Amino acid sequence: MNPSLSKFMLAHTPPSILHPTPTMTTELPLNTGASIPALGLGTWQSAPGEVKAAVVHAIEAGYRHIDCAFCYQNEDEVGEALQDVLSRGIVKREDLFITSKLWCTFHTRVEEGLQKSLDLLKLDYVDLYLMHWPVPMNPSGNHPLFPKLPDGSRDIDHSTTHVQTWKNLEKLTQSPSPKVKAIGVANYSVKYLEKLLAQATIVPAVNQIENHPYLPQQEVVDFCKEKGIHVTAYSPFGSTGSPMFNDEAVNEVAKKHGVKVGTVLLSYHLARNSSVLAKSVTPSRIDENRKLIALDNEDMQKLESISKTKGLTRFVYPPFGVNCGFPDKPDGMDLSG
């Protein structure tokens, strides 16, 4: 095509075509050939007695991506919600994308960990099964989820590695009737991914990480893109009381588009070709989170500039009480593989 004609066509192409408005069910491709809905409902820290109603409402409102984990201790209520909407014909199972995660005390019992989640969720399979953290913990310790040593530190299982756990996850996909459609990881830095990929037969379909303008984890996002690993962002609004809702740049973008700050923070991830999880048990907020917009290059430059002056360099995950995002060797945890 003539370069001048090409530039003319580009200049006269409506923004709605160049930057189509994403929706909550926009399908983002995985390296398995399947796809993942752009927006998911997160269930972490959703209190007992609230989760079922939240999941039911979300699916009735159009959500098709539900993120769960055995460690969240509420998969039983998620399962009740799924049975509710499936039995009423609100949605078909094949139209849902359900994620669960292998907890750290099950690294040497991968099949058992998966089956526990399936039983709680009342499902025959999950669409995505993630290694929750690359940190094996003692399966016979003094607590089923968070075992500790006498000195109060976490009881790490040094007899195995996250790489061996991955090899066992790979086996889940090789059975005649697999109970997982895809496998992936969560909370992996570049260093951990490099260790894993060096010995992996299957490249993870997803790396689920904390991600937002204050913690863009650009090195991880870029590495995953290079390797064909999809990124799913959790905690898109940051922690409780996050300053992002008052951030000048974020508010400028929101004002420009006539939307709320939350819409900008969720849409930021879709502009990065990442899916995003929005956690809420409040019906009005679940509905509000469905509103997504197309951000242009100017918007993204403004949002991406935030981390250069106000960004975080690492994050702390409460169950471990140590930095789990970027350190080479957190407090006695051998993640060398």
Protein backbone atom coordinates (compact mmCIF):
# COMPACT_ATOMS: atom_id res chain seq x y z
CA MET A 1 0.00 0.00 0.00
CA ASN A 2 1.16 3.52 -0.78
CA PRO A 3 2.67 4.99 2.44
CA SER A 4 0.86 8.30 1.93
CA LEU A 5 -2.45 6.51 1.48
CA SER A 6 -1.75 4.43 4.56
CA LYS A 7 -1.12 7.54 6.66
CA PHE A 8 -4.26 9.18 5.27
CA MET A 9 -6.40 6.16 6.16
CA LEU A 10 -4.91 5.97 9.64
CA ALA A 11 -5.52 9.69 10.23
CA HIS A 12 -9.14 9.38 9.16
CA THR A 13 -9.94 6.14 10.97
CA PRO A 14 -12.39 6.80 13.82
CA PRO A 15 -10.94 6.44 17.34
CA SER A 16 -13.64 3.86 18.07
CA ILE A 17 -11.96 1.56 15.54
CA LEU A 18 -8.35 2.36 16.42
CA HIS A 19 -9.07 2.06 20.14
CA PRO A 20 -12.20 -0.10 20.53
CA THR A 21 -13.86 0.12 23.91
CA PRO A 22 -13.13 -3.07 25.85
CA THR A 23 -15.85 -4.91 27.71
CA MET A 24 -15.76 -7.15 30.74
CA THR A 25 -16.06 -10.21 28.50
CA THR A 26 -13.47 -9.14 25.91
CA GLU A 27 -11.56 -12.35 25.20
CA LEU A 28 -7.78 -12.20 25.68
CA PRO A 29 -5.77 -15.06 24.14
CA LEU A 30 -3.79 -17.62 26.12
CA ASN A 31 -0.91 -19.69 24.77
CA THR A 32 -3.12 -22.78 25.00
CA GLY A 33 -5.40 -21.53 22.23
CA ALA A 34 -8.13 -20.73 24.73
CA SER A 35 -8.99 -17.24 25.94
CA ILE A 36 -9.64 -15.52 29.26
CA PRO A 37 -12.30 -12.83 29.88
CA ALA A 38 -10.78 -9.41 30.47
CA LEU A 39 -12.51 -8.73 33.80
CA GLY A 40 -12.83 -11.22 36.62
CA LEU A 41 -14.43 -11.18 40.05
CA GLY A 42 -11.87 -11.68 42.78
CA THR A 43 -12.88 -13.58 45.91
CA TRP A 44 -9.87 -13.00 48.18
CA GLN A 45 -10.85 -11.69 51.62
CA SER A 46 -14.54 -12.00 50.82
CA ALA A 47 -16.09 -12.88 54.16
CA PRO A 48 -18.07 -16.07 54.79
CA GLY A 49 -21.75 -15.52 54.20
CA GLU A 50 -21.07 -12.85 51.57
CA VAL A 51 -19.28 -14.75 48.85
CA LYS A 52 -22.18 -16.76 47.47
CA ALA A 53 -24.40 -13.72 46.99
CA ALA A 54 -21.53 -11.76 45.41
CA VAL A 55 -20.71 -14.50 42.88
CA VAL A 56 -24.37 -15.03 42.01
CA HIS A 57 -24.89 -11.30 41.51
CA ALA A 58 -21.71 -10.98 39.44
CA ILE A 59 -22.68 -13.78 37.06
CA GLU A 60 -26.21 -12.43 36.73
CA ALA A 61 -24.62 -9.06 35.93
CA GLY A 62 -22.55 -10.55 33.13
CA TYR A 63 -19.25 -11.58 34.74
CA ARG A 64 -17.89 -14.83 33.29
CA HIS A 65 -14.48 -14.93 34.97
CA ILE A 66 -14.35 -15.92 38.65
CA ASP A 67 -11.03 -16.12 40.50
CA CYS A 68 -10.79 -18.49 43.47
CA ALA A 69 -8.19 -20.21 45.63
CA PHE A 70 -8.19 -22.97 48.23
CA CYS A 71 -6.33 -20.65 50.60
CA TYR A 72 -9.16 -18.11 50.53
CA GLN A 73 -11.24 -20.61 52.52
CA ASN A 74 -14.46 -19.72 50.70
CA GLU A 75 -14.48 -22.02 47.67
CA ASP A 76 -17.42 -23.89 49.20
CA GLU A 77 -19.58 -20.75 48.92
CA VAL A 78 -18.31 -20.09 45.42
CA GLY A 79 -19.34 -23.64 44.57
CA GLU A 80 -22.83 -23.05 45.96
CA ALA A 81 -23.11 -19.90 43.85
CA LEU A 82 -21.98 -21.71 40.70
CA GLN A 83 -24.50 -24.49 41.26
CA ASP A 84 -27.20 -21.89 41.78
CA VAL A 85 -26.64 -20.08 38.48
CA LEU A 86 -25.98 -23.26 36.53
CA SER A 87 -29.11 -24.99 37.83
CA ARG A 88 -31.24 -21.95 36.93
CA GLY A 89 -29.81 -21.80 33.43
CA ILE A 90 -28.35 -18.31 33.94
CA VAL A 91 -25.18 -19.50 32.24
CA LYS A 92 -23.64 -22.70 30.87
CA ARG A 93 -20.50 -24.14 32.45
CA GLU A 94 -18.56 -23.80 29.19
CA ASP A 95 -19.27 -20.07 29.20
CA LEU A 96 -17.60 -19.55 32.58
CA PHE A 97 -13.86 -19.20 33.23
CA ILE A 98 -13.02 -20.47 36.71
CA THR A 99 -9.54 -20.15 38.21
CA SER A 100 -8.31 -21.89 41.35
CA LYS A 101 -4.88 -22.13 42.95
CA LEU A 102 -2.64 -24.74 44.55
CA TRP A 103 -1.70 -23.66 48.06
CA CYS A 104 1.85 -23.88 49.43
CA THR A 105 1.23 -26.82 51.78
CA PHE A 106 0.07 -28.91 48.80
CA HIS A 107 3.19 -28.56 46.65
CA THR A 108 3.95 -32.26 47.13
CA ARG A 109 0.25 -33.21 46.81
CA VAL A 110 -0.80 -31.50 43.61
CA GLU A 111 -3.58 -33.89 42.63
CA GLU A 112 -5.00 -33.83 46.15
CA GLY A 113 -4.93 -30.04 46.23
CA LEU A 114 -6.75 -29.82 42.92
CA GLN A 115 -9.39 -32.34 43.94
CA LYS A 116 -10.09 -30.49 47.19
CA SER A 117 -10.83 -27.33 45.22
CA LEU A 118 -12.95 -29.18 42.66
CA ASP A 119 -14.99 -30.81 45.42
CA LEU A 120 -15.57 -27.45 47.13
CA LEU A 121 -16.41 -25.73 43.84
CA LYS A 122 -18.63 -28.66 42.82
CA LEU A 123 -16.97 -28.74 39.41
CA ASP A 124 -15.49 -31.43 37.19
CA TYR A 125 -12.73 -29.13 35.98
CA VAL A 126 -11.28 -25.64 36.31
CA ASP A 127 -10.29 -23.51 33.35
CA LEU A 128 -7.04 -22.42 34.99
CA TYR A 129 -5.06 -23.84 37.89
CA LEU A 130 -2.24 -21.72 39.28
CA MET A 131 0.64 -22.36 41.65
CA HIS A 132 -0.30 -19.71 44.21
CA TRP A 133 3.27 -19.00 45.33
CA PRO A 134 6.66 -20.54 44.48
CA VAL A 135 7.08 -21.41 48.15
CA PRO A 136 6.59 -25.04 49.28
CA MET A 137 5.57 -25.24 52.93
CA ASN A 138 5.55 -28.21 55.30
CA PRO A 139 2.47 -30.34 54.53
CA SER A 140 2.72 -31.91 58.00
CA GLY A 141 3.33 -28.76 59.98
CA ASN A 142 1.41 -27.27 62.90
CA HIS A 143 -1.17 -25.59 60.66
CA PRO A 144 -2.80 -26.86 57.44
CA LEU A 145 -2.27 -23.56 55.62
CA PHE A 146 0.34 -21.51 57.49
CA PRO A 147 2.69 -23.81 59.43
CA LYS A 148 5.30 -22.14 61.63
CA LEU A 149 8.55 -23.17 63.26
CA PRO A 150 9.07 -22.66 67.02
CA ASP A 151 10.77 -19.33 66.34
CA GLY A 152 7.65 -18.06 64.56
CA SER A 153 9.06 -18.18 61.02
CA ARG A 154 7.24 -20.04 58.25
CA ASP A 155 7.85 -23.79 58.07
CA ILE A 156 9.30 -24.11 54.58
CA ASP A 157 9.54 -27.53 52.92
CA HIS A 158 13.15 -27.70 51.73
CA SER A 159 12.73 -31.21 50.34
CA THR A 160 11.20 -29.94 47.13
CA THR A 161 11.19 -26.88 44.87
CA HIS A 162 8.66 -24.88 42.92
CA VAL A 163 10.15 -26.36 39.74
CA GLN A 164 9.24 -29.88 40.88
CA THR A 165 5.79 -28.62 41.78
CA TRP A 166 5.44 -27.30 38.24
CA LYS A 167 6.42 -30.67 36.78
CA ASN A 168 3.61 -32.23 38.80
CA LEU A 169 1.20 -29.56 37.58
CA GLU A 170 2.21 -30.41 34.02
CA LYS A 171 1.09 -33.98 34.61
CA LEU A 172 -2.43 -32.73 35.36
CA THR A 173 -2.82 -31.69 31.74
CA GLN A 174 -1.70 -35.06 30.37
CA SER A 175 -4.45 -37.32 31.70
CA PRO A 176 -7.06 -38.70 29.26
CA SER A 177 -9.74 -36.56 30.92
CA PRO A 178 -7.85 -33.57 32.36
CA LYS A 179 -9.43 -31.71 35.26
CA VAL A 180 -7.60 -28.51 34.30
CA LYS A 181 -7.81 -26.70 30.97
CA ALA A 182 -4.63 -24.70 31.57
CA ILE A 183 -1.94 -24.28 34.22
CA GLY A 184 -0.03 -21.22 35.32
CA VAL A 185 1.70 -19.46 38.17
CA ALA A 186 1.14 -16.51 40.46
CA ASN A 187 3.45 -14.05 42.18
CA TYR A 188 6.44 -14.95 40.01
CA SER A 189 9.25 -12.47 39.39
CA VAL A 190 11.49 -12.69 36.32
CA LYS A 191 14.12 -14.56 38.30
CA TYR A 192 11.63 -17.24 39.37
CA LEU A 193 10.22 -17.51 35.85
CA GLU A 194 13.70 -17.98 34.41
CA LYS A 195 14.35 -20.83 36.85
CA LEU A 196 11.04 -22.43 35.97
CA LEU A 197 11.21 -22.07 32.18
CA ALA A 198 14.69 -23.58 32.09
CA GLN A 199 13.17 -26.93 33.10
CA ALA A 200 9.52 -26.62 32.10
CA THR A 201 7.93 -28.64 29.34
CA ILE A 202 4.81 -26.47 29.33
CA VAL A 203 5.09 -22.68 29.41
CA PRO A 204 2.71 -21.24 32.03
CA ALA A 205 -0.44 -19.87 30.45
CA VAL A 206 -0.75 -17.10 33.06
CA ASN A 207 1.25 -15.28 35.71
CA GLN A 208 -1.12 -13.61 38.18
CA ILE A 209 0.59 -10.71 39.95
CA GLU A 210 -0.23 -7.63 41.98
CA ASN A 211 -0.31 -4.87 39.40
CA HIS A 212 -1.37 -1.21 39.24
CA PRO A 213 0.19 2.17 38.35
CA TYR A 214 2.03 2.29 41.68
CA LEU A 215 3.42 -1.22 41.13
CA PRO A 216 3.55 -1.78 37.35
CA GLN A 217 6.13 -4.58 37.59
CA GLN A 218 7.12 -3.65 34.04
CA GLU A 219 10.07 -6.05 33.96
CA VAL A 220 7.75 -8.96 34.78
CA VAL A 221 5.06 -7.83 32.34
CA ASP A 222 7.58 -7.43 29.52
CA PHE A 223 9.21 -10.79 30.23
CA CYS A 224 5.85 -12.55 30.27
CA LYS A 225 4.89 -10.93 26.97
CA GLU A 226 8.16 -12.09 25.42
CA LYS A 227 7.54 -15.66 26.58
CA GLY A 228 3.86 -15.79 25.65
CA ILE A 229 2.63 -15.77 29.26
CA HIS A 230 -0.56 -13.83 29.87
CA VAL A 231 -0.61 -11.48 32.88
CA THR A 232 -3.62 -11.24 35.17
CA ALA A 233 -3.55 -8.32 37.58
CA TYR A 234 -4.87 -8.53 41.13
CA SER A 235 -5.29 -5.67 43.62
CA PRO A 236 -5.76 -3.16 40.76
CA PHE A 237 -6.79 -0.50 43.28
CA GLY A 238 -3.82 -1.15 45.55
CA SER A 239 -4.19 -1.95 49.23
CA THR A 240 -6.88 -0.59 51.55
CA GLY A 241 -6.55 3.16 51.78
CA SER A 242 -4.47 3.29 48.61
CA PRO A 243 -3.37 6.81 47.58
CA MET A 244 -4.16 5.98 43.94
CA PHE A 245 -7.75 7.17 44.27
CA ASN A 246 -6.42 10.63 45.14
CA ASP A 247 -3.54 10.60 42.68
CA GLU A 248 -3.52 13.69 40.47
CA ALA A 249 -2.62 11.88 37.24
CA VAL A 250 -5.25 9.18 37.71
CA ASN A 251 -7.91 11.79 38.44
CA GLU A 252 -6.90 13.81 35.38
CA VAL A 253 -7.46 10.78 33.15
CA ALA A 254 -10.78 10.05 34.85
CA LYS A 255 -11.95 13.65 34.39
CA LYS A 256 -10.93 13.60 30.72
CA HIS A 257 -13.15 10.58 30.05
CA GLY A 258 -15.93 11.54 32.44
CA VAL A 259 -15.58 8.35 34.49
CA LYS A 260 -14.70 7.35 38.03
CA VAL A 261 -11.14 6.64 39.11
CA GLY A 262 -11.88 2.92 39.53
CA THR A 263 -12.81 2.68 35.85
CA VAL A 264 -9.42 4.13 34.88
CA LEU A 265 -7.50 1.79 37.20
CA LEU A 266 -9.25 -1.26 35.75
CA SER A 267 -9.00 -0.11 32.14
CA TYR A 268 -5.25 0.50 32.59
CA HIS A 269 -4.72 -3.27 32.52
CA LEU A 270 -6.73 -3.88 29.39
CA ALA A 271 -4.61 -1.25 27.65
CA ARG A 272 -1.63 -3.44 28.64
CA ASN A 273 -3.39 -6.54 27.24
CA SER A 274 -3.71 -7.95 30.75
CA SER A 275 -6.85 -9.29 32.37
CA VAL A 276 -7.76 -7.83 35.75
CA LEU A 277 -9.53 -8.98 38.91
CA ALA A 278 -11.85 -6.64 40.79
CA LYS A 279 -12.81 -7.84 44.25
CA SER A 280 -16.07 -6.76 45.88
CA VAL A 281 -19.08 -8.24 47.65
CA THR A 282 -21.16 -5.09 47.24
CA PRO A 283 -23.63 -5.37 44.35
CA SER A 284 -23.34 -1.70 43.37
CA ARG A 285 -19.55 -1.90 43.21
CA ILE A 286 -19.66 -5.17 41.29
CA ASP A 287 -21.86 -3.38 38.77
CA GLU A 288 -19.69 -0.26 38.70
CA ASN A 289 -16.56 -2.31 38.01
CA ARG A 290 -18.08 -3.54 34.75
CA LYS A 291 -17.56 -0.10 33.21
CA LEU A 292 -14.39 -0.12 31.14
CA ILE A 293 -13.00 2.39 28.66
CA ALA A 294 -10.32 2.54 25.98
CA LEU A 295 -7.32 4.54 27.17
CA ASP A 296 -5.20 6.27 24.54
CA ASN A 297 -1.42 6.66 24.41
CA GLU A 298 -1.54 9.98 26.22
CA ASP A 299 -3.53 8.42 29.07
CA MET A 300 -1.12 5.51 29.38
CA GLN A 301 1.94 7.75 29.36
CA LYS A 302 0.44 9.74 32.20
CA LEU A 303 -0.41 6.61 34.21
CA GLU A 304 2.93 4.96 33.52
CA SER A 305 4.79 8.03 34.75
CA ILE A 306 3.34 7.64 38.25
CA SER A 307 5.63 4.79 39.31
CA LYS A 308 8.74 6.81 38.49
CA THR A 309 8.14 9.11 41.44
CA LYS A 310 5.57 7.40 43.66
CA GLY A 311 5.83 3.72 42.81
CA LEU A 312 6.46 0.78 45.10
CA THR A 313 9.51 -1.41 44.61
CA ARG A 314 8.20 -4.57 46.22
CA PHE A 315 5.20 -5.90 48.08
CA VAL A 316 4.61 -7.91 51.23
CA TYR A 317 2.18 -10.78 51.40
CA PRO A 318 0.68 -11.04 54.91
CA PRO A 319 0.64 -14.85 55.24
CA PHE A 320 4.41 -14.92 54.85
CA GLY A 321 5.30 -11.62 56.42
CA VAL A 322 8.21 -11.33 54.00
CA ASN A 323 8.82 -9.65 50.69
CA CYS A 324 7.59 -12.10 48.09
CA GLY A 325 7.70 -10.10 44.91
CA PHE A 326 11.29 -9.41 44.00
CA PRO A 327 13.89 -10.62 46.51
CA ASP A 328 16.36 -13.29 45.43
CA LYS A 329 15.98 -15.29 48.61
CA PRO A 330 13.29 -14.20 51.09
CA ASP A 331 13.93 -15.01 54.74
CA GLY A 332 15.15 -18.59 54.50
CA MET A 333 13.05 -19.52 51.47
CA ASP A 334 15.11 -21.38 48.91
CA LEU A 335 13.56 -20.50 45.59
CA SER A 336 16.61 -21.37 43.54
CA GLY A 337 14.89 -24.38 41.94
